[in-house]
Amino acid sequence: MWHHAAAYAGHYHHPYYASHAVADHGGGWLMHTIVGGIIHGLIYGAIFRLFRGMSMGEALVVAVAGITLVAAGYWLWNRSRET
């Protein structure tokens, strides 16, 4: 729910306000949670299959490259939204 912070300035989600979050978002939060879990499982499964046959050095290079790509994409996304 933290991804809504920019869209709803002043609308703060915290575990203490869980019933408030459910009331605001209706029943869609359960489907969002289930679908998000399935997607994360597929992504992690693909990552583990990719790393299975690699040496530690190769896995480290792929991990650093992946983190760099994600960080660069995040930086570019935020930069494009500021202009």
PDB file of N, CA and C in Angstrom:
ATOM      1  N   MET A   1       0.801  -1.193   0.000  1.00  0.00           N
ATOM      2  CA  MET A   1       0.000   0.000   0.000  1.00  0.00           C
ATOM      3  C   MET A   1       0.849   1.264   0.000  1.00  0.00           C
ATOM      4  N   TRP A   2       2.133   1.104   0.186  1.00  0.00           N
ATOM      5  CA  TRP A   2       3.005   2.281   0.217  1.00  0.00           C
ATOM      6  C   TRP A   2       3.097   2.939  -1.148  1.00  0.00           C
ATOM      7  N   HIS A   3       2.834   2.196  -2.241  1.00  0.00           N
ATOM      8  CA  HIS A   3       2.938   2.770  -3.569  1.00  0.00           C
ATOM      9  C   HIS A   3       1.869   3.824  -3.833  1.00  0.00           C
ATOM     10  N   HIS A   4       0.886   3.959  -2.953  1.00  0.00           N
ATOM     11  CA  HIS A   4      -0.149   4.971  -3.117  1.00  0.00           C
ATOM     12  C   HIS A   4       0.241   6.309  -2.515  1.00  0.00           C
ATOM     13  N   ALA A   5       1.396   6.389  -1.859  1.00  0.00           N
ATOM     14  CA  ALA A   5       1.749   7.586  -1.097  1.00  0.00           C
ATOM     15  C   ALA A   5       1.789   8.846  -1.958  1.00  0.00           C
ATOM     16  N   ALA A   6       2.331   8.757  -3.159  1.00  0.00           N
ATOM     17  CA  ALA A   6       2.423   9.947  -4.011  1.00  0.00           C
ATOM     18  C   ALA A   6       1.051  10.361  -4.535  1.00  0.00           C
ATOM     19  N   ALA A   7       0.210   9.382  -4.806  1.00  0.00           N
ATOM     20  CA  ALA A   7      -1.104   9.685  -5.369  1.00  0.00           C
ATOM     21  C   ALA A   7      -2.050  10.275  -4.331  1.00  0.00           C
ATOM     22  N   TYR A   8      -1.888   9.878  -3.088  1.00  0.00           N
ATOM     23  CA  TYR A   8      -2.770  10.347  -2.020  1.00  0.00           C
ATOM     24  C   TYR A   8      -1.957  11.088  -0.967  1.00  0.00           C
ATOM     25  N   ALA A   9      -1.531  12.292  -1.278  1.00  0.00           N
ATOM     26  CA  ALA A   9      -0.752  13.076  -0.316  1.00  0.00           C
ATOM     27  C   ALA A   9      -1.583  13.250   0.951  1.00  0.00           C
ATOM     28  N   GLY A  10      -0.991  12.952   2.060  1.00  0.00           N
ATOM     29  CA  GLY A  10      -1.682  13.082   3.317  1.00  0.00           C
ATOM     30  C   GLY A  10      -2.490  11.841   3.693  1.00  0.00           C
ATOM     31  N   HIS A  11      -2.581  10.866   2.814  1.00  0.00           N
ATOM     32  CA  HIS A  11      -3.307   9.627   3.090  1.00  0.00           C
ATOM     33  C   HIS A  11      -2.273   8.585   3.481  1.00  0.00           C
ATOM     34  N   TYR A  12      -2.124   8.338   4.757  1.00  0.00           N
ATOM     35  CA  TYR A  12      -1.036   7.533   5.296  1.00  0.00           C
ATOM     36  C   TYR A  12      -1.518   6.134   5.639  1.00  0.00           C
ATOM     37  N   HIS A  13      -0.791   5.112   5.172  1.00  0.00           N
ATOM     38  CA  HIS A  13      -1.110   3.733   5.511  1.00  0.00           C
ATOM     39  C   HIS A  13      -0.090   3.211   6.495  1.00  0.00           C
ATOM     40  N   HIS A  14      -0.547   2.645   7.546  1.00  0.00           N
ATOM     41  CA  HIS A  14       0.304   2.065   8.570  1.00  0.00           C
ATOM     42  C   HIS A  14      -0.431   0.829   9.080  1.00  0.00           C
ATOM     43  N   PRO A  15       0.291  -0.199   9.518  1.00  0.00           N
ATOM     44  CA  PRO A  15      -0.402  -1.394  10.007  1.00  0.00           C
ATOM     45  C   PRO A  15      -1.449  -1.102  11.086  1.00  0.00           C
ATOM     46  N   TYR A  16      -1.238  -0.064  11.865  1.00  0.00           N
ATOM     47  CA  TYR A  16      -2.191   0.306  12.906  1.00  0.00           C
ATOM     48  C   TYR A  16      -3.542   0.669  12.300  1.00  0.00           C
ATOM     49  N   TYR A  17      -3.526   1.192  11.082  1.00  0.00           N
ATOM     50  CA  TYR A  17      -4.746   1.624  10.421  1.00  0.00           C
ATOM     51  C   TYR A  17      -5.259   0.583   9.422  1.00  0.00           C
ATOM     52  N   ALA A  18      -5.034  -0.697   9.694  1.00  0.00           N
ATOM     53  CA  ALA A  18      -5.393  -1.753   8.745  1.00  0.00           C
ATOM     54  C   ALA A  18      -6.882  -1.742   8.423  1.00  0.00           C
ATOM     55  N   SER A  19      -7.732  -1.566   9.421  1.00  0.00           N
ATOM     56  CA  SER A  19      -9.167  -1.570   9.134  1.00  0.00           C
ATOM     57  C   SER A  19      -9.548  -0.368   8.278  1.00  0.00           C
ATOM     58  N   HIS A  20      -8.868   0.741   8.460  1.00  0.00           N
ATOM     59  CA  HIS A  20      -9.087   1.932   7.641  1.00  0.00           C
ATOM     60  C   HIS A  20      -8.713   1.648   6.190  1.00  0.00           C
ATOM     61  N   ALA A  21      -7.592   0.946   5.990  1.00  0.00           N
ATOM     62  CA  ALA A  21      -7.137   0.635   4.629  1.00  0.00           C
ATOM     63  C   ALA A  21      -8.138  -0.281   3.933  1.00  0.00           C
ATOM     64  N   VAL A  22      -8.659  -1.266   4.641  1.00  0.00           N
ATOM     65  CA  VAL A  22      -9.630  -2.182   4.060  1.00  0.00           C
ATOM     66  C   VAL A  22     -10.907  -1.432   3.706  1.00  0.00           C
ATOM     67  N   ALA A  23     -11.332  -0.538   4.583  1.00  0.00           N
ATOM     68  CA  ALA A  23     -12.547   0.228   4.324  1.00  0.00           C
ATOM     69  C   ALA A  23     -12.369   1.128   3.105  1.00  0.00           C
ATOM     70  N   ASP A  24     -11.178   1.708   2.939  1.00  0.00           N
ATOM     71  CA  ASP A  24     -10.923   2.600   1.811  1.00  0.00           C
ATOM     72  C   ASP A  24     -10.856   1.855   0.485  1.00  0.00           C
ATOM     73  N   HIS A  25     -10.285   0.655   0.490  1.00  0.00           N
ATOM     74  CA  HIS A  25     -10.005  -0.039  -0.757  1.00  0.00           C
ATOM     75  C   HIS A  25     -10.984  -1.171  -1.052  1.00  0.00           C
ATOM     76  N   GLY A  26     -11.957  -1.385  -0.207  1.00  0.00           N
ATOM     77  CA  GLY A  26     -12.941  -2.423  -0.459  1.00  0.00           C
ATOM     78  C   GLY A  26     -12.330  -3.808  -0.416  1.00  0.00           C
ATOM     79  N   GLY A  27     -12.943  -4.752  -1.094  1.00  0.00           N
ATOM     80  CA  GLY A  27     -12.476  -6.128  -1.086  1.00  0.00           C
ATOM     81  C   GLY A  27     -11.377  -6.393  -2.093  1.00  0.00           C
ATOM     82  N   GLY A  28     -11.016  -5.429  -2.921  1.00  0.00           N
ATOM     83  CA  GLY A  28      -9.992  -5.621  -3.941  1.00  0.00           C
ATOM     84  C   GLY A  28      -8.617  -5.882  -3.374  1.00  0.00           C
ATOM     85  N   TRP A  29      -8.396  -5.542  -2.108  1.00  0.00           N
ATOM     86  CA  TRP A  29      -7.077  -5.745  -1.505  1.00  0.00           C
ATOM     87  C   TRP A  29      -6.730  -7.226  -1.445  1.00  0.00           C
ATOM     88  N   LEU A  30      -7.737  -8.100  -1.244  1.00  0.00           N
ATOM     89  CA  LEU A  30      -7.465  -9.534  -1.167  1.00  0.00           C
ATOM     90  C   LEU A  30      -7.018 -10.066  -2.520  1.00  0.00           C
ATOM     91  N   MET A  31      -7.709  -9.677  -3.584  1.00  0.00           N
ATOM     92  CA  MET A  31      -7.313 -10.114  -4.928  1.00  0.00           C
ATOM     93  C   MET A  31      -5.941  -9.566  -5.274  1.00  0.00           C
ATOM     94  N   HIS A  32      -5.690  -8.306  -4.914  1.00  0.00           N
ATOM     95  CA  HIS A  32      -4.386  -7.679  -5.147  1.00  0.00           C
ATOM     96  C   HIS A  32      -3.291  -8.470  -4.439  1.00  0.00           C
ATOM     97  N   THR A  33      -3.543  -8.900  -3.213  1.00  0.00           N
ATOM     98  CA  THR A  33      -2.567  -9.665  -2.438  1.00  0.00           C
ATOM     99  C   THR A  33      -2.318 -11.030  -3.065  1.00  0.00           C
ATOM    100  N   ILE A  34      -3.371 -11.706  -3.484  1.00  0.00           N
ATOM    101  CA  ILE A  34      -3.231 -13.037  -4.083  1.00  0.00           C
ATOM    102  C   ILE A  34      -2.484 -12.960  -5.409  1.00  0.00           C
ATOM    103  N   VAL A  35      -2.896 -12.050  -6.279  1.00  0.00           N
ATOM    104  CA  VAL A  35      -2.235 -11.905  -7.585  1.00  0.00           C
ATOM    105  C   VAL A  35      -0.786 -11.481  -7.401  1.00  0.00           C
ATOM    106  N   GLY A  36      -0.535 -10.548  -6.474  1.00  0.00           N
ATOM    107  CA  GLY A  36       0.840 -10.119  -6.205  1.00  0.00           C
ATOM    108  C   GLY A  36       1.704 -11.271  -5.725  1.00  0.00           C
ATOM    109  N   GLY A  37       1.142 -12.135  -4.871  1.00  0.00           N
ATOM    110  CA  GLY A  37       1.884 -13.304  -4.400  1.00  0.00           C
ATOM    111  C   GLY A  37       2.222 -14.267  -5.521  1.00  0.00           C
ATOM    112  N   ILE A  38       1.279 -14.480  -6.414  1.00  0.00           N
ATOM    113  CA  ILE A  38       1.523 -15.373  -7.560  1.00  0.00           C
ATOM    114  C   ILE A  38       2.608 -14.800  -8.465  1.00  0.00           C
ATOM    115  N   ILE A  39       2.523 -13.511  -8.752  1.00  0.00           N
ATOM    116  CA  ILE A  39       3.529 -12.872  -9.609  1.00  0.00           C
ATOM    117  C   ILE A  39       4.908 -12.934  -8.962  1.00  0.00           C
ATOM    118  N   HIS A  40       4.979 -12.623  -7.672  1.00  0.00           N
ATOM    119  CA  HIS A  40       6.270 -12.708  -6.988  1.00  0.00           C
ATOM    120  C   HIS A  40       6.819 -14.135  -7.016  1.00  0.00           C
ATOM    121  N   GLY A  41       5.951 -15.114  -6.824  1.00  0.00           N
ATOM    122  CA  GLY A  41       6.397 -16.501  -6.878  1.00  0.00           C
ATOM    123  C   GLY A  41       6.958 -16.876  -8.240  1.00  0.00           C
ATOM    124  N   LEU A  42       6.307 -16.431  -9.313  1.00  0.00           N
ATOM    125  CA  LEU A  42       6.813 -16.707 -10.659  1.00  0.00           C
ATOM    126  C   LEU A  42       8.161 -16.042 -10.901  1.00  0.00           C
ATOM    127  N   ILE A  43       8.300 -14.801 -10.445  1.00  0.00           N
ATOM    128  CA  ILE A  43       9.561 -14.079 -10.629  1.00  0.00           C
ATOM    129  C   ILE A  43      10.680 -14.761  -9.852  1.00  0.00           C
ATOM    130  N   TYR A  44      10.424 -15.088  -8.563  1.00  0.00           N
ATOM    131  CA  TYR A  44      11.463 -15.741  -7.765  1.00  0.00           C
ATOM    132  C   TYR A  44      11.802 -17.117  -8.321  1.00  0.00           C
ATOM    133  N   GLY A  45      10.814 -17.847  -8.818  1.00  0.00           N
ATOM    134  CA  GLY A  45      11.082 -19.143  -9.421  1.00  0.00           C
ATOM    135  C   GLY A  45      11.991 -19.023 -10.634  1.00  0.00           C
ATOM    136  N   ALA A  46      11.739 -18.004 -11.471  1.00  0.00           N
ATOM    137  CA  ALA A  46      12.592 -17.783 -12.647  1.00  0.00           C
ATOM    138  C   ALA A  46      14.011 -17.408 -12.232  1.00  0.00           C
ATOM    139  N   ILE A  47      14.129 -16.579 -11.202  1.00  0.00           N
ATOM    140  CA  ILE A  47      15.464 -16.180 -10.722  1.00  0.00           C
ATOM    141  C   ILE A  47      16.214 -17.396 -10.200  1.00  0.00           C
ATOM    142  N   PHE A  48      15.564 -18.239  -9.403  1.00  0.00           N
ATOM    143  CA  PHE A  48      16.238 -19.416  -8.851  1.00  0.00           C
ATOM    144  C   PHE A  48      16.642 -20.391  -9.946  1.00  0.00           C
ATOM    145  N   ARG A  49      15.799 -20.564 -10.976  1.00  0.00           N
ATOM    146  CA  ARG A  49      16.176 -21.436 -12.097  1.00  0.00           C
ATOM    147  C   ARG A  49      17.374 -20.868 -12.850  1.00  0.00           C
ATOM    148  N   LEU A  50      17.425 -19.535 -12.992  1.00  0.00           N
ATOM    149  CA  LEU A  50      18.543 -18.888 -13.681  1.00  0.00           C
ATOM    150  C   LEU A  50      19.854 -19.118 -12.934  1.00  0.00           C
ATOM    151  N   PHE A  51      19.812 -18.990 -11.619  1.00  0.00           N
ATOM    152  CA  PHE A  51      21.034 -19.106 -10.817  1.00  0.00           C
ATOM    153  C   PHE A  51      21.452 -20.545 -10.541  1.00  0.00           C
ATOM    154  N   ARG A  52      20.602 -21.516 -10.788  1.00  0.00           N
ATOM    155  CA  ARG A  52      20.869 -22.893 -10.391  1.00  0.00           C
ATOM    156  C   ARG A  52      22.177 -23.440 -10.957  1.00  0.00           C
ATOM    157  N   GLY A  53      22.467 -23.241 -12.230  1.00  0.00           N
ATOM    158  CA  GLY A  53      23.657 -23.828 -12.834  1.00  0.00           C
ATOM    159  C   GLY A  53      24.871 -22.916 -12.852  1.00  0.00           C
ATOM    160  N   MET A  54      24.817 -21.793 -12.172  1.00  0.00           N
ATOM    161  CA  MET A  54      25.908 -20.817 -12.228  1.00  0.00           C
ATOM    162  C   MET A  54      26.881 -20.980 -11.064  1.00  0.00           C
ATOM    163  N   SER A  55      28.108 -20.566 -11.344  1.00  0.00           N
ATOM    164  CA  SER A  55      29.086 -20.495 -10.257  1.00  0.00           C
ATOM    165  C   SER A  55      28.778 -19.256  -9.411  1.00  0.00           C
ATOM    166  N   MET A  56      29.425 -19.148  -8.271  1.00  0.00           N
ATOM    167  CA  MET A  56      29.193 -18.015  -7.388  1.00  0.00           C
ATOM    168  C   MET A  56      29.588 -16.700  -8.064  1.00  0.00           C
ATOM    169  N   GLY A  57      30.677 -16.686  -8.801  1.00  0.00           N
ATOM    170  CA  GLY A  57      31.116 -15.480  -9.496  1.00  0.00           C
ATOM    171  C   GLY A  57      30.133 -15.039 -10.566  1.00  0.00           C
ATOM    172  N   GLU A  58      29.650 -15.996 -11.353  1.00  0.00           N
ATOM    173  CA  GLU A  58      28.661 -15.669 -12.385  1.00  0.00           C
ATOM    174  C   GLU A  58      27.365 -15.143 -11.771  1.00  0.00           C
ATOM    175  N   ALA A  59      26.930 -15.789 -10.689  1.00  0.00           N
ATOM    176  CA  ALA A  59      25.706 -15.342 -10.025  1.00  0.00           C
ATOM    177  C   ALA A  59      25.869 -13.935  -9.464  1.00  0.00           C
ATOM    178  N   LEU A  60      27.055 -13.626  -8.946  1.00  0.00           N
ATOM    179  CA  LEU A  60      27.315 -12.295  -8.408  1.00  0.00           C
ATOM    180  C   LEU A  60      27.277 -11.246  -9.518  1.00  0.00           C
ATOM    181  N   VAL A  61      27.847 -11.551 -10.667  1.00  0.00           N
ATOM    182  CA  VAL A  61      27.835 -10.616 -11.797  1.00  0.00           C
ATOM    183  C   VAL A  61      26.393 -10.365 -12.259  1.00  0.00           C
ATOM    184  N   VAL A  62      25.604 -11.422 -12.381  1.00  0.00           N
ATOM    185  CA  VAL A  62      24.213 -11.268 -12.799  1.00  0.00           C
ATOM    186  C   VAL A  62      23.418 -10.470 -11.766  1.00  0.00           C
ATOM    187  N   ALA A  63      23.647 -10.729 -10.482  1.00  0.00           N
ATOM    188  CA  ALA A  63      22.942 -10.009  -9.424  1.00  0.00           C
ATOM    189  C   ALA A  63      23.287  -8.522  -9.444  1.00  0.00           C
ATOM    190  N   VAL A  64      24.558  -8.199  -9.575  1.00  0.00           N
ATOM    191  CA  VAL A  64      24.975  -6.789  -9.618  1.00  0.00           C
ATOM    192  C   VAL A  64      24.396  -6.111 -10.858  1.00  0.00           C
ATOM    193  N   ALA A  65      24.437  -6.786 -12.001  1.00  0.00           N
ATOM    194  CA  ALA A  65      23.870  -6.209 -13.226  1.00  0.00           C
ATOM    195  C   ALA A  65      22.365  -5.993 -13.075  1.00  0.00           C
ATOM    196  N   GLY A  66      21.655  -6.943 -12.485  1.00  0.00           N
ATOM    197  CA  GLY A  66      20.218  -6.804 -12.280  1.00  0.00           C
ATOM    198  C   GLY A  66      19.876  -5.661 -11.342  1.00  0.00           C
ATOM    199  N   ILE A  67      20.597  -5.554 -10.248  1.00  0.00           N
ATOM    200  CA  ILE A  67      20.363  -4.463  -9.297  1.00  0.00           C
ATOM    201  C   ILE A  67      20.665  -3.124  -9.948  1.00  0.00           C
ATOM    202  N   THR A  68      21.721  -3.066 -10.747  1.00  0.00           N
ATOM    203  CA  THR A  68      22.072  -1.825 -11.444  1.00  0.00           C
ATOM    204  C   THR A  68      20.978  -1.428 -12.430  1.00  0.00           C
ATOM    205  N   LEU A  69      20.452  -2.400 -13.170  1.00  0.00           N
ATOM    206  CA  LEU A  69      19.375  -2.104 -14.126  1.00  0.00           C
ATOM    207  C   LEU A  69      18.116  -1.603 -13.420  1.00  0.00           C
ATOM    208  N   VAL A  70      17.750  -2.244 -12.325  1.00  0.00           N
ATOM    209  CA  VAL A  70      16.561  -1.816 -11.585  1.00  0.00           C
ATOM    210  C   VAL A  70      16.765  -0.422 -11.015  1.00  0.00           C
ATOM    211  N   ALA A  71      17.940  -0.160 -10.443  1.00  0.00           N
ATOM    212  CA  ALA A  71      18.227   1.165  -9.878  1.00  0.00           C
ATOM    213  C   ALA A  71      18.223   2.238 -10.968  1.00  0.00           C
ATOM    214  N   ALA A  72      18.805   1.928 -12.123  1.00  0.00           N
ATOM    215  CA  ALA A  72      18.823   2.890 -13.230  1.00  0.00           C
ATOM    216  C   ALA A  72      17.403   3.159 -13.735  1.00  0.00           C
ATOM    217  N   GLY A  73      16.597   2.115 -13.848  1.00  0.00           N
ATOM    218  CA  GLY A  73      15.206   2.296 -14.269  1.00  0.00           C
ATOM    219  C   GLY A  73      14.427   3.130 -13.273  1.00  0.00           C
ATOM    220  N   TYR A  74      14.634   2.901 -11.999  1.00  0.00           N
ATOM    221  CA  TYR A  74      13.970   3.670 -10.954  1.00  0.00           C
ATOM    222  C   TYR A  74      14.384   5.138 -11.026  1.00  0.00           C
ATOM    223  N   TRP A  75      15.681   5.368 -11.208  1.00  0.00           N
ATOM    224  CA  TRP A  75      16.201   6.739 -11.296  1.00  0.00           C
ATOM    225  C   TRP A  75      15.622   7.456 -12.524  1.00  0.00           C
ATOM    226  N   LEU A  76      15.619   6.766 -13.669  1.00  0.00           N
ATOM    227  CA  LEU A  76      15.070   7.368 -14.890  1.00  0.00           C
ATOM    228  C   LEU A  76      13.579   7.641 -14.758  1.00  0.00           C
ATOM    229  N   TRP A  77      12.849   6.719 -14.140  1.00  0.00           N
ATOM    230  CA  TRP A  77      11.406   6.897 -13.952  1.00  0.00           C
ATOM    231  C   TRP A  77      11.138   8.147 -13.111  1.00  0.00           C
ATOM    232  N   ASN A  78      11.851   8.273 -11.997  1.00  0.00           N
ATOM    233  CA  ASN A  78      11.645   9.427 -11.126  1.00  0.00           C
ATOM    234  C   ASN A  78      12.087  10.723 -11.799  1.00  0.00           C
ATOM    235  N   ARG A  79      13.144  10.665 -12.562  1.00  0.00           N
ATOM    236  CA  ARG A  79      13.646  11.840 -13.264  1.00  0.00           C
ATOM    237  C   ARG A  79      12.646  12.320 -14.307  1.00  0.00           C
ATOM    238  N   SER A  80      12.040  11.381 -15.030  1.00  0.00           N
ATOM    239  CA  SER A  80      11.072  11.753 -16.065  1.00  0.00           C
ATOM    240  C   SER A  80       9.776  12.306 -15.452  1.00  0.00           C
ATOM    241  N   ARG A  81       9.436  11.902 -14.266  1.00  0.00           N
ATOM    242  CA  ARG A  81       8.218  12.387 -13.605  1.00  0.00           C
ATOM    243  C   ARG A  81       8.412  13.790 -13.015  1.00  0.00           C
ATOM    244  N   GLU A  82       9.662  14.170 -12.752  1.00  0.00           N
ATOM    245  CA  GLU A  82       9.944  15.488 -12.178  1.00  0.00           C
ATOM    246  C   GLU A  82       9.828  16.599 -13.220  1.00  0.00           C
ATOM    247  N   THR A  83      10.037  16.270 -14.485  1.00  0.00           N
ATOM    248  CA  THR A  83      10.021  17.294 -15.532  1.00  0.00           C
ATOM    249  C   THR A  83       8.657  17.462 -16.137  1.00  0.00           C
TER     250      THR A  83
END
